[in-house]
C-alpha atoms as a PDB file:
ATOM      1  CA  MET A   1     -42.949  -8.139-156.264  1.00  0.00           C
ATOM      2  CA  PRO A   2     -40.210  -7.932-153.588  1.00  0.00           C
ATOM      3  CA  SER A   3     -38.106 -11.053-153.215  1.00  0.00           C
ATOM      4  CA  ALA A   4     -35.584 -12.478-150.785  1.00  0.00           C
ATOM      5  CA  VAL A   5     -32.485 -14.598-151.286  1.00  0.00           C
ATOM      6  CA  VAL A   6     -32.235 -17.450-148.795  1.00  0.00           C
ATOM      7  CA  LEU A   7     -29.524 -20.043-148.284  1.00  0.00           C
ATOM      8  CA  LYS A   8     -30.321 -23.744-148.314  1.00  0.00           C
ATOM      9  CA  LYS A   9     -27.845 -24.397-145.505  1.00  0.00           C
ATOM     10  CA  ASP A  10     -27.136 -22.642-142.238  1.00  0.00           C
ATOM     11  CA  VAL A  11     -23.516 -21.703-142.852  1.00  0.00           C
ATOM     12  CA  ARG A  12     -21.329 -18.734-141.986  1.00  0.00           C
ATOM     13  CA  LEU A  13     -19.968 -17.470-145.267  1.00  0.00           C
ATOM     14  CA  ASP A  14     -16.300 -16.656-145.830  1.00  0.00           C
ATOM     15  CA  VAL A  15     -16.371 -12.879-146.215  1.00  0.00           C
ATOM     16  CA  PRO A  16     -13.317 -12.272-148.474  1.00  0.00           C
ATOM     17  CA  SER A  17     -14.038 -15.025-151.006  1.00  0.00           C
ATOM     18  CA  VAL A  18     -17.751 -14.212-151.331  1.00  0.00           C
ATOM     19  CA  ALA A  19     -17.860 -10.419-151.048  1.00  0.00           C
ATOM     20  CA  ARG A  20     -15.433  -9.472-153.820  1.00  0.00           C
ATOM     21  CA  PRO A  21     -17.114 -11.298-156.762  1.00  0.00           C
ATOM     22  CA  LEU A  22     -20.547 -10.130-155.580  1.00  0.00           C
ATOM     23  CA  ALA A  23     -19.370  -6.516-155.362  1.00  0.00           C
ATOM     24  CA  GLU A  24     -17.775  -6.627-158.814  1.00  0.00           C
ATOM     25  CA  ALA A  25     -20.841  -8.205-160.435  1.00  0.00           C
ATOM     26  CA  GLN A  26     -23.286  -5.719-158.906  1.00  0.00           C
ATOM     27  CA  GLY A  27     -21.156  -2.590-159.098  1.00  0.00           C
ATOM     28  CA  LEU A  28     -21.315  -2.063-155.341  1.00  0.00           C
ATOM     29  CA  THR A  29     -18.595  -1.029-152.922  1.00  0.00           C
ATOM     30  CA  LEU A  30     -16.658  -3.878-151.395  1.00  0.00           C
ATOM     31  CA  ASN A  31     -17.318  -2.678-147.857  1.00  0.00           C
ATOM     32  CA  ASP A  32     -21.098  -2.614-148.384  1.00  0.00           C
ATOM     33  CA  VAL A  33     -21.119  -6.164-149.702  1.00  0.00           C
ATOM     34  CA  ARG A  34     -18.786  -7.345-146.948  1.00  0.00           C
ATOM     35  CA  LEU A  35     -21.346  -6.213-144.410  1.00  0.00           C
ATOM     36  CA  VAL A  36     -24.146  -8.074-146.214  1.00  0.00           C
ATOM     37  CA  VAL A  37     -22.098 -11.277-146.339  1.00  0.00           C
ATOM     38  CA  ARG A  38     -20.970 -10.897-142.746  1.00  0.00           C
ATOM     39  CA  LYS A  39     -24.555 -10.585-141.472  1.00  0.00           C
ATOM     40  CA  ALA A  40     -26.104 -13.268-143.695  1.00  0.00           C
ATOM     41  CA  ARG A  41     -27.581 -16.047-141.586  1.00  0.00           C
ATOM     42  CA  GLY A  42     -29.978 -18.259-143.522  1.00  0.00           C
ATOM     43  CA  VAL A  43     -31.562 -15.176-145.062  1.00  0.00           C
ATOM     44  CA  PHE A  44     -28.928 -13.605-147.327  1.00  0.00           C
ATOM     45  CA  GLN A  45     -30.755 -10.476-148.529  1.00  0.00           C
ATOM     46  CA  GLU A  46     -34.310  -9.199-148.377  1.00  0.00           C
ATOM     47  CA  HIS A  47     -36.580  -6.683-150.101  1.00  0.00           C
ATOM     48  CA  LEU A  48     -34.900  -6.946-153.506  1.00  0.00           C
ATOM     49  CA  ASP A  49     -36.644  -6.666-156.846  1.00  0.00           C
ATOM     50  CA  ASP A  50     -37.046 -10.099-158.394  1.00  0.00           C
ATOM     51  CA  ALA A  51     -34.445  -9.605-161.144  1.00  0.00           C
ATOM     52  CA  ARG A  52     -31.731  -8.513-158.731  1.00  0.00           C
ATOM     53  CA  ALA A  53     -32.597 -11.297-156.301  1.00  0.00           C
ATOM     54  CA  ARG A  54     -32.163 -13.879-159.064  1.00  0.00           C
ATOM     55  CA  THR A  55     -28.853 -12.339-160.079  1.00  0.00           C
ATOM     56  CA  VAL A  56     -27.568 -12.560-156.504  1.00  0.00           C
ATOM     57  CA  ALA A  57     -28.778 -16.152-156.145  1.00  0.00           C
ATOM     58  CA  GLU A  58     -27.090 -17.156-159.417  1.00  0.00           C
ATOM     59  CA  LEU A  59     -23.813 -15.586-158.303  1.00  0.00           C
ATOM     60  CA  LEU A  60     -23.937 -17.408-154.988  1.00  0.00           C
ATOM     61  CA  ASN A  61     -24.662 -20.726-156.674  1.00  0.00           C
ATOM     62  CA  LYS A  62     -21.695 -20.196-159.009  1.00  0.00           C
ATOM     63  CA  LEU A  63     -19.550 -19.774-155.896  1.00  0.00           C
ATOM     64  CA  GLY A  64     -20.798 -23.117-154.612  1.00  0.00           C
ATOM     65  CA  ILE A  65     -23.241 -21.604-152.113  1.00  0.00           C
ATOM     66  CA  GLU A  66     -26.723 -23.048-152.560  1.00  0.00           C
ATOM     67  CA  ALA A  67     -29.238 -20.214-152.629  1.00  0.00           C
ATOM     68  CA  LEU A  68     -32.757 -19.707-153.891  1.00  0.00           C
ATOM     69  CA  VAL A  69     -35.224 -16.876-154.389  1.00  0.00           C
ATOM     70  CA  VAL A  70     -38.514 -16.762-152.491  1.00  0.00           C
ATOM     71  CA  PRO A  71     -41.270 -14.123-152.410  1.00  0.00           C
ATOM     72  CA  GLN A  72     -40.649 -11.651-149.612  1.00  0.00           C
ATOM     73  CA  ALA A  73     -44.152 -12.338-148.288  1.00  0.00           C
ATOM     74  CA  GLU A  74     -43.090 -15.894-147.425  1.00  0.00           C
ATOM     75  CA  LEU A  75     -40.573 -14.511-144.942  1.00  0.00           C
ATOM     76  CA  ALA A  76     -43.079 -12.636-142.873  1.00  0.00           C
ATOM     77  CA  LYS A  77     -41.820 -11.072-139.664  1.00  0.00           C
ATOM     78  CA  PRO A  78     -42.312 -13.161-136.531  1.00  0.00           C
ATOM     79  CA  PRO A  79     -45.536 -12.486-134.653  1.00  0.00           C
ATOM     80  CA  ARG A  80     -45.468  -9.787-132.024  1.00  0.00           C
ATOM     81  CA  GLN A  81     -43.811 -11.195-128.954  1.00  0.00           C
ATOM     82  CA  ARG A  82     -45.324 -11.403-125.517  1.00  0.00           C
ATOM     83  CA  SER A  83     -42.824 -11.293-122.674  1.00  0.00           C
ATOM     84  CA  VAL A  84     -42.975 -13.942-119.957  1.00  0.00           C
ATOM     85  CA  ILE A  85     -41.403 -12.838-116.670  1.00  0.00           C
ATOM     86  CA  GLY A  86     -42.185 -15.847-114.493  1.00  0.00           C
ATOM     87  CA  GLY A  87     -44.437 -18.830-114.112  1.00  0.00           C
ATOM     88  CA  GLN A  88     -44.919 -22.446-113.133  1.00  0.00           C
ATOM     89  CA  LEU A  89     -44.756 -25.573-115.266  1.00  0.00           C
ATOM     90  CA  HIS A  90     -47.632 -28.023-114.875  1.00  0.00           C
ATOM     91  CA  ALA A  91     -48.549 -31.281-116.556  1.00  0.00           C
ATOM     92  CA  ASP A  92     -50.792 -29.749-119.214  1.00  0.00           C
ATOM     93  CA  ALA A  93     -49.743 -26.109-119.378  1.00  0.00           C
ATOM     94  CA  PHE A  94     -47.202 -23.415-118.580  1.00  0.00           C
ATOM     95  CA  LEU A  95     -48.855 -20.905-116.250  1.00  0.00           C
ATOM     96  CA  ALA A  96     -46.917 -17.912-117.520  1.00  0.00           C
ATOM     97  CA  HIS A  97     -46.728 -14.554-115.767  1.00  0.00           C
ATOM     98  CA  THR A  98     -46.915 -11.870-118.434  1.00  0.00           C
ATOM     99  CA  SER A  99     -47.169  -8.866-116.110  1.00  0.00           C
ATOM    100  CA  HIS A 100     -45.775  -7.810-112.757  1.00  0.00           C
ATOM    101  CA  LEU A 101     -49.263  -8.244-111.295  1.00  0.00           C
ATOM    102  CA  ARG A 102     -48.551 -11.984-111.488  1.00  0.00           C
ATOM    103  CA  LYS A 103     -51.527 -12.535-113.761  1.00  0.00           C
ATOM    104  CA  SER A 104     -51.228 -16.073-115.129  1.00  0.00           C
ATOM    105  CA  ASP A 105     -51.668 -16.770-118.804  1.00  0.00           C
ATOM    106  CA  PRO A 106     -52.023 -20.550-119.331  1.00  0.00           C
ATOM    107  CA  ILE A 107     -50.073 -21.750-122.374  1.00  0.00           C
ATOM    108  CA  LEU A 108     -51.119 -25.306-123.215  1.00  0.00           C
ATOM    109  CA  TRP A 109     -48.197 -27.536-124.160  1.00  0.00           C
ATOM    110  CA  LYS A 110     -50.167 -29.037-127.026  1.00  0.00           C
ATOM    111  CA  ASP A 111     -50.474 -25.564-128.565  1.00  0.00           C
ATOM    112  CA  ILE A 112     -46.693 -24.970-128.709  1.00  0.00           C
ATOM    113  CA  HIS A 113     -45.228 -26.128-132.014  1.00  0.00           C
ATOM    114  CA  PHE A 114     -41.814 -24.446-132.077  1.00  0.00           C
ATOM    115  CA  MET A 115     -39.170 -23.715-129.435  1.00  0.00           C
ATOM    116  CA  SER A 116     -36.102 -21.589-130.061  1.00  0.00           C
ATOM    117  CA  ILE A 117     -33.197 -20.844-127.727  1.00  0.00           C
ATOM    118  CA  GLY A 118     -30.731 -18.069-128.466  1.00  0.00           C
ATOM    119  CA  ILE A 119     -27.596 -16.767-126.747  1.00  0.00           C
ATOM    120  CA  ILE A 120     -26.998 -13.243-128.057  1.00  0.00           C
ATOM    121  CA  ALA A 121     -23.836 -11.174-127.624  1.00  0.00           C
ATOM    122  CA  THR A 122     -24.095  -7.679-126.200  1.00  0.00           C
ATOM    123  CA  PRO A 123     -22.437  -4.829-128.158  1.00  0.00           C
ATOM    124  CA  GLN A 124     -19.624  -5.013-125.589  1.00  0.00           C
ATOM    125  CA  TYR A 125     -18.927  -8.741-126.024  1.00  0.00           C
ATOM    126  CA  GLU A 126     -16.023  -8.250-128.418  1.00  0.00           C
ATOM    127  CA  GLU A 127     -14.560  -5.407-126.370  1.00  0.00           C
ATOM    128  CA  PHE A 128     -14.487  -7.711-123.364  1.00  0.00           C
ATOM    129  CA  LEU A 129     -12.468 -10.232-125.382  1.00  0.00           C
ATOM    130  CA  THR A 130      -9.952  -7.757-126.767  1.00  0.00           C
ATOM    131  CA  SER A 131      -9.490  -5.091-124.080  1.00  0.00           C
ATOM    132  CA  SER A 132      -7.883  -5.845-120.721  1.00  0.00           C
ATOM    133  CA  GLY A 133      -9.121  -2.504-119.411  1.00  0.00           C
ATOM    134  CA  PHE A 134     -12.656  -3.283-120.424  1.00  0.00           C
ATOM    135  CA  LYS A 135     -12.606  -6.518-118.418  1.00  0.00           C
ATOM    136  CA  GLU A 136     -11.948  -4.510-115.253  1.00  0.00           C
ATOM    137  CA  LEU A 137     -15.134  -2.457-115.656  1.00  0.00           C
ATOM    138  CA  PRO A 138     -17.981  -3.521-113.353  1.00  0.00           C
ATOM    139  CA  PRO A 139     -21.263  -4.593-114.971  1.00  0.00           C
ATOM    140  CA  ILE A 140     -23.863  -1.820-115.110  1.00  0.00           C
ATOM    141  CA  TRP A 141     -26.241  -3.637-112.766  1.00  0.00           C
ATOM    142  CA  ALA A 142     -23.526  -3.640-110.051  1.00  0.00           C
ATOM    143  CA  ILE A 143     -23.228   0.187-110.015  1.00  0.00           C
ATOM    144  CA  ASP A 144     -25.468   2.014-107.532  1.00  0.00           C
ATOM    145  CA  ASP A 145     -24.802   5.603-108.644  1.00  0.00           C
ATOM    146  CA  GLN A 146     -27.156   6.559-111.501  1.00  0.00           C
ATOM    147  CA  GLU A 147     -24.784   9.200-112.884  1.00  0.00           C
ATOM    148  CA  ALA A 148     -21.961   6.646-113.017  1.00  0.00           C
ATOM    149  CA  LYS A 149     -24.289   4.210-114.782  1.00  0.00           C
ATOM    150  CA  ASP A 150     -25.195   6.816-117.401  1.00  0.00           C
ATOM    151  CA  GLU A 151     -21.538   7.697-117.984  1.00  0.00           C
ATOM    152  CA  LEU A 152     -20.593   4.037-118.428  1.00  0.00           C
ATOM    153  CA  ARG A 153     -23.469   3.544-120.881  1.00  0.00           C
ATOM    154  CA  ARG A 154     -22.253   6.512-122.946  1.00  0.00           C
ATOM    155  CA  LYS A 155     -18.715   5.120-123.061  1.00  0.00           C
ATOM    156  CA  LEU A 156     -19.937   1.660-124.013  1.00  0.00           C
ATOM    157  CA  ALA A 157     -22.161   3.080-126.740  1.00  0.00           C
ATOM    158  CA  SER A 158     -19.244   5.103-128.123  1.00  0.00           C
ATOM    159  CA  ARG A 159     -17.002   2.027-128.252  1.00  0.00           C
ATOM    160  CA  ALA A 160     -19.736  -0.038-129.893  1.00  0.00           C
ATOM    161  CA  LEU A 161     -20.279   2.668-132.518  1.00  0.00           C
ATOM    162  CA  ARG A 162     -16.575   2.758-133.374  1.00  0.00           C
ATOM    163  CA  ARG A 163     -16.575  -1.020-133.669  1.00  0.00           C
ATOM    164  CA  ASP A 164     -19.581  -0.977-136.027  1.00  0.00           C
ATOM    165  CA  GLN A 165     -17.801   1.539-138.251  1.00  0.00           C
ATOM    166  CA  ARG A 166     -14.934  -0.857-138.969  1.00  0.00           C
ATOM    167  CA  GLU A 167     -14.913  -2.807-142.171  1.00  0.00           C
ATOM    168  CA  ALA A 168     -16.982  -5.958-141.844  1.00  0.00           C
ATOM    169  CA  SER A 169     -13.997  -8.123-142.721  1.00  0.00           C
ATOM    170  CA  GLU A 170     -12.164  -6.851-139.638  1.00  0.00           C
ATOM    171  CA  VAL A 171     -14.843  -8.037-137.221  1.00  0.00           C
ATOM    172  CA  LYS A 172     -13.879 -11.335-135.653  1.00  0.00           C
ATOM    173  CA  ASP A 173     -16.113 -14.328-136.213  1.00  0.00           C
ATOM    174  CA  ARG A 174     -17.060 -14.909-132.608  1.00  0.00           C
ATOM    175  CA  ALA A 175     -18.711 -18.261-133.194  1.00  0.00           C
ATOM    176  CA  ARG A 176     -15.514 -19.839-134.509  1.00  0.00           C
ATOM    177  CA  THR A 177     -13.034 -18.510-131.970  1.00  0.00           C
ATOM    178  CA  LYS A 178     -12.743 -19.942-128.484  1.00  0.00           C
ATOM    179  CA  PRO A 179     -12.162 -17.075-126.035  1.00  0.00           C
ATOM    180  CA  LYS A 180      -8.684 -17.174-124.508  1.00  0.00           C
ATOM    181  CA  LEU A 181      -9.951 -16.692-120.972  1.00  0.00           C
ATOM    182  CA  ASP A 182      -9.692 -18.640-117.749  1.00  0.00           C
ATOM    183  CA  LYS A 183     -12.851 -20.180-116.297  1.00  0.00           C
ATOM    184  CA  LYS A 184     -13.614 -17.212-114.029  1.00  0.00           C
ATOM    185  CA  GLU A 185     -13.285 -14.728-116.897  1.00  0.00           C
ATOM    186  CA  LEU A 186     -15.304 -16.980-119.203  1.00  0.00           C
ATOM    187  CA  ASP A 187     -18.121 -17.264-116.662  1.00  0.00           C
ATOM    188  CA  SER A 188     -18.067 -13.485-116.287  1.00  0.00           C
ATOM    189  CA  LEU A 189     -18.151 -13.033-120.068  1.00  0.00           C
ATOM    190  CA  TYR A 190     -21.195 -15.248-120.500  1.00  0.00           C
ATOM    191  CA  ARG A 191     -22.944 -13.811-117.434  1.00  0.00           C
ATOM    192  CA  ASP A 192     -22.469 -10.118-118.191  1.00  0.00           C
ATOM    193  CA  GLN A 193     -21.923  -9.885-121.958  1.00  0.00           C
ATOM    194  CA  THR A 194     -24.607 -12.192-123.347  1.00  0.00           C
ATOM    195  CA  ARG A 195     -28.373 -12.301-123.271  1.00  0.00           C
ATOM    196  CA  GLY A 196     -30.351 -15.529-123.319  1.00  0.00           C
ATOM    197  CA  VAL A 197     -33.832 -15.923-124.798  1.00  0.00           C
ATOM    198  CA  ILE A 198     -36.292 -18.787-125.104  1.00  0.00           C
ATOM    199  CA  GLU A 199     -39.165 -18.424-127.544  1.00  0.00           C
ATOM    200  CA  LEU A 200     -42.284 -20.577-127.630  1.00  0.00           C
ATOM    201  CA  TRP A 201     -44.394 -20.334-130.794  1.00  0.00           C
ATOM    202  CA  SER A 202     -47.858 -21.572-131.606  1.00  0.00           C
ATOM    203  CA  PHE A 203     -48.840 -21.816-135.283  1.00  0.00           C
ATOM    204  CA  GLU A 204     -52.642 -21.665-134.997  1.00  0.00           C
ATOM    205  CA  PRO A 205     -53.089 -18.917-134.051  1.00  0.00           C
ATOM    206  CA  LEU A 206     -49.588 -17.579-134.728  1.00  0.00           C
ATOM    207  CA  ARG A 207     -48.233 -16.397-131.389  1.00  0.00           C
ATOM    208  CA  ARG A 208     -44.816 -15.960-129.815  1.00  0.00           C
ATOM    209  CA  TYR A 209     -43.923 -15.965-126.126  1.00  0.00           C
ATOM    210  CA  ARG A 210     -40.426 -14.864-125.081  1.00  0.00           C
ATOM    211  CA  ILE A 211     -38.465 -15.548-121.906  1.00  0.00           C
ATOM    212  CA  ALA A 212     -35.425 -13.307-121.332  1.00  0.00           C
ATOM    213  CA  ARG A 213     -32.720 -14.731-119.071  1.00  0.00           C
ATOM    214  CA  HIS A 214     -32.136 -11.595-116.993  1.00  0.00           C
ATOM    215  CA  GLU A 215     -35.816 -10.654-116.686  1.00  0.00           C
ATOM    216  CA  PHE A 216     -37.356 -13.984-115.723  1.00  0.00           C
ATOM    217  CA  CYS A 217     -38.144 -14.834-112.084  1.00  0.00           C
ATOM    218  CA  TYR A 218     -36.915 -18.351-111.362  1.00  0.00           C
ATOM    219  CA  ASP A 219     -38.871 -18.871-108.123  1.00  0.00           C
ATOM    220  CA  GLY A 220     -40.733 -21.692-109.849  1.00  0.00           C
ATOM    221  CA  LEU A 221     -37.552 -23.783-109.787  1.00  0.00           C
ATOM    222  CA  GLY A 222     -37.845 -24.071-106.023  1.00  0.00           C
ATOM    223  CA  ALA A 223     -34.954 -25.848-104.323  1.00  0.00           C
ATOM    224  CA  ARG A 224     -33.328 -26.543-107.696  1.00  0.00           C
ATOM    225  CA  ALA A 225     -32.585 -22.844-108.252  1.00  0.00           C
ATOM    226  CA  ARG A 226     -28.867 -22.011-108.558  1.00  0.00           C
ATOM    227  CA  LYS A 227     -26.839 -18.880-107.865  1.00  0.00           C
ATOM    228  CA  THR A 228     -26.595 -17.482-111.393  1.00  0.00           C
ATOM    229  CA  SER A 229     -29.192 -16.659-114.008  1.00  0.00           C
ATOM    230  CA  MET A 230     -27.260 -18.689-116.601  1.00  0.00           C
ATOM    231  CA  GLU A 231     -27.504 -21.854-114.504  1.00  0.00           C
ATOM    232  CA  ASN A 232     -31.203 -21.251-113.875  1.00  0.00           C
ATOM    233  CA  PHE A 233     -31.759 -20.479-117.550  1.00  0.00           C
ATOM    234  CA  ARG A 234     -30.310 -23.870-118.519  1.00  0.00           C
ATOM    235  CA  ILE A 235     -32.498 -25.676-115.984  1.00  0.00           C
ATOM    236  CA  LEU A 236     -35.595 -23.858-117.236  1.00  0.00           C
ATOM    237  CA  ALA A 237     -34.801 -24.598-120.884  1.00  0.00           C
ATOM    238  CA  ASN A 238     -34.423 -28.311-120.179  1.00  0.00           C
ATOM    239  CA  ASP A 239     -37.610 -28.329-118.090  1.00  0.00           C
ATOM    240  CA  LEU A 240     -39.557 -26.704-120.910  1.00  0.00           C
ATOM    241  CA  PHE A 241     -38.271 -29.217-123.401  1.00  0.00           C
ATOM    242  CA  THR A 242     -39.438 -32.172-121.304  1.00  0.00           C
ATOM    243  CA  TYR A 243     -42.992 -30.943-121.915  1.00  0.00           C
ATOM    244  CA  LEU A 244     -42.390 -30.274-125.620  1.00  0.00           C
ATOM    245  CA  PRO A 245     -41.028 -33.482-127.201  1.00  0.00           C
ATOM    246  CA  HIS A 246     -43.373 -32.834-130.142  1.00  0.00           C
ATOM    247  CA  ALA A 247     -42.100 -29.324-130.849  1.00  0.00           C
ATOM    248  CA  LEU A 248     -39.852 -28.250-133.695  1.00  0.00           C
ATOM    249  CA  LEU A 249     -36.407 -27.126-132.463  1.00  0.00           C
ATOM    250  CA  THR A 250     -33.568 -25.375-134.216  1.00  0.00           C
ATOM    251  CA  LYS A 251     -30.190 -27.077-134.301  1.00  0.00           C
ATOM    252  CA  ILE A 252     -28.727 -24.356-132.102  1.00  0.00           C
ATOM    253  CA  SER A 253     -31.465 -24.964-129.524  1.00  0.00           C
ATOM    254  CA  LYS A 254     -30.600 -28.656-129.487  1.00  0.00           C
ATOM    255  CA  ASP A 255     -26.904 -27.859-129.185  1.00  0.00           C
ATOM    256  CA  PHE A 256     -27.619 -25.648-126.170  1.00  0.00           C
ATOM    257  CA  LEU A 257     -29.729 -28.336-124.499  1.00  0.00           C
ATOM    258  CA  ALA A 258     -26.953 -30.848-125.138  1.00  0.00           C
ATOM    259  CA  GLY A 259     -24.478 -28.615-123.250  1.00  0.00           C
ATOM    260  CA  ALA A 260     -22.591 -26.970-126.121  1.00  0.00           C
ATOM    261  CA  GLU A 261     -19.976 -24.326-125.327  1.00  0.00           C
ATOM    262  CA  LEU A 262     -21.687 -20.951-125.703  1.00  0.00           C
ATOM    263  CA  TYR A 263     -19.003 -19.461-127.957  1.00  0.00           C
ATOM    264  CA  GLU A 264     -19.929 -22.128-130.527  1.00  0.00           C
ATOM    265  CA  ILE A 265     -23.592 -21.088-130.770  1.00  0.00           C
ATOM    266  CA  ILE A 266     -23.613 -17.387-129.905  1.00  0.00           C
ATOM    267  CA  PHE A 267     -25.403 -14.897-132.164  1.00  0.00           C
ATOM    268  CA  ASP A 268     -23.718 -11.578-132.931  1.00  0.00           C
ATOM    269  CA  ASP A 269     -26.860  -9.557-132.267  1.00  0.00           C
ATOM    270  CA  GLU A 270     -30.646  -9.667-132.058  1.00  0.00           C
ATOM    271  CA  ALA A 271     -31.012  -9.176-135.808  1.00  0.00           C
ATOM    272  CA  GLU A 272     -28.928 -12.275-136.558  1.00  0.00           C
ATOM    273  CA  TYR A 273     -31.010 -14.335-134.147  1.00  0.00           C
ATOM    274  CA  GLU A 274     -34.231 -13.106-135.775  1.00  0.00           C
ATOM    275  CA  ARG A 275     -32.963 -13.928-139.284  1.00  0.00           C
ATOM    276  CA  TYR A 276     -31.907 -17.407-138.237  1.00  0.00           C
ATOM    277  CA  THR A 277     -35.261 -18.075-136.547  1.00  0.00           C
ATOM    278  CA  ARG A 278     -37.335 -16.826-139.480  1.00  0.00           C
ATOM    279  CA  TRP A 279     -35.202 -18.815-141.916  1.00  0.00           C
ATOM    280  CA  PHE A 280     -35.516 -22.016-139.902  1.00  0.00           C
ATOM    281  CA  VAL A 281     -39.301 -21.772-139.556  1.00  0.00           C
ATOM    282  CA  HIS A 282     -39.640 -21.040-143.283  1.00  0.00           C
ATOM    283  CA  GLN A 283     -37.406 -23.949-144.290  1.00  0.00           C
ATOM    284  CA  ALA A 284     -38.927 -26.407-141.827  1.00  0.00           C
ATOM    285  CA  ALA A 285     -42.609 -25.484-141.822  1.00  0.00           C
ATOM    286  CA  GLY A 286     -43.153 -23.415-144.965  1.00  0.00           C
ATOM    287  CA  PRO A 287     -44.534 -19.902-145.507  1.00  0.00           C
ATOM    288  CA  ALA A 288     -47.762 -20.681-143.618  1.00  0.00           C
ATOM    289  CA  PRO A 289     -46.718 -22.961-140.739  1.00  0.00           C
ATOM    290  CA  ARG A 290     -49.421 -25.229-139.365  1.00  0.00           C
ATOM    291  CA  PRO A 291     -49.337 -27.809-136.577  1.00  0.00           C
ATOM    292  CA  GLY A 292     -47.829 -31.094-137.734  1.00  0.00           C
ATOM    293  CA  VAL A 293     -47.142 -29.863-141.268  1.00  0.00           C
ATOM    294  CA  LEU A 294     -43.564 -29.627-142.557  1.00  0.00           C
ATOM    295  CA  ALA A 295     -42.401 -28.204-145.842  1.00  0.00           C
ATOM    296  CA  ALA A 296     -41.733 -30.630-148.681  1.00  0.00           C
ATOM    297  CA  GLY A 297     -38.304 -32.248-148.436  1.00  0.00           C
ATOM    298  CA  VAL A 298     -37.889 -31.729-144.700  1.00  0.00           C
ATOM    299  CA  GLY A 299     -37.248 -34.929-142.768  1.00  0.00           C
ATOM    300  CA  GLU A 300     -39.178 -36.002-139.693  1.00  0.00           C
ATOM    301  CA  GLN A 301     -35.898 -35.949-137.751  1.00  0.00           C
ATOM    302  CA  LEU A 302     -36.523 -32.225-137.261  1.00  0.00           C
ATOM    303  CA  LEU A 303     -39.051 -33.174-134.608  1.00  0.00           C
ATOM    304  CA  GLY A 304     -36.689 -35.367-132.592  1.00  0.00           C
ATOM    305  CA  PRO A 305     -35.343 -34.698-129.073  1.00  0.00           C
ATOM    306  CA  PRO A 306     -31.919 -33.101-128.484  1.00  0.00           C
ATOM    307  CA  CYS A 307     -30.263 -36.474-127.989  1.00  0.00           C
ATOM    308  CA  GLU A 308     -30.906 -37.148-131.667  1.00  0.00           C
ATOM    309  CA  PRO A 309     -28.538 -34.698-133.429  1.00  0.00           C
ATOM    310  CA  LEU A 310     -30.173 -32.472-136.015  1.00  0.00           C
ATOM    311  CA  ASP A 311     -27.991 -31.540-138.985  1.00  0.00           C
ATOM    312  CA  GLU A 312     -29.688 -28.727-140.889  1.00  0.00           C
ATOM    313  CA  VAL A 313     -27.313 -29.160-143.805  1.00  0.00           C
ATOM    314  CA  GLU A 314     -28.747 -32.615-144.450  1.00  0.00           C
ATOM    315  CA  SER A 315     -32.314 -32.176-143.295  1.00  0.00           C
ATOM    316  CA  ILE A 316     -33.415 -29.112-145.246  1.00  0.00           C
ATOM    317  CA  GLU A 317     -32.044 -29.923-148.656  1.00  0.00           C
END
């Protein structure tokens, strides 16, 4: 039966100190293991045979990293997402627009049991930080000529591919490094080189609604709407939370709502965000999440509002 190795704490592992002993014990290349360690976020490895999974977990525990083995089936993929492109918030429901025909799909607040907010770096995020020439490039959406857009996309894809081919240990840990940019450059970085998502999950039945920062119409904010999508995204996220005090939230979601600097909570890519979300739901609500039911050993503080700090290291042990 396939198994997965999951971490008990949401920590970013130190690549050099963890990768080498794992590579030596398993007879794998150091670069391959570096990549695994680099991309581990809650879920360390998946789809392993049970014996190998237990070997990996034992090695991690010997290194002082708390890990355990769970059946792969317990880490089921998130339900198929349904995109929300607009809508209005009412006392009992979110009238969500799920098509450009403005057809409203009422999502009752009482049916939402989990809310997740993610800020995800684009493939060009790191290039923006390290290349002065890259900073001078206009964002794709600001280019009118389609041929110029296509050429820029090809160049960006080529740069991203070269970056992905580097050794994992050479990739900077974005979440720990404050960008050395002035306010204007920092605003531009977050506006153009990150994507924001809000996910609303119901557990019975298992459904997932997703709001994407750049694709959502913020007309529902009325006079409170600001100039940038990032400002409007923050307002929307806080508005949604006011209707969901009962919902389970990840620590990163709470940090965002509390006004954390984005570089502190950014995800490297979509895959990292998905792993973190799946891990959190599994740890907090178990393999078969149900309304009001938390996994054994998980404190009720997981259900608190953002003003009550949630420390996953303490709450999921």
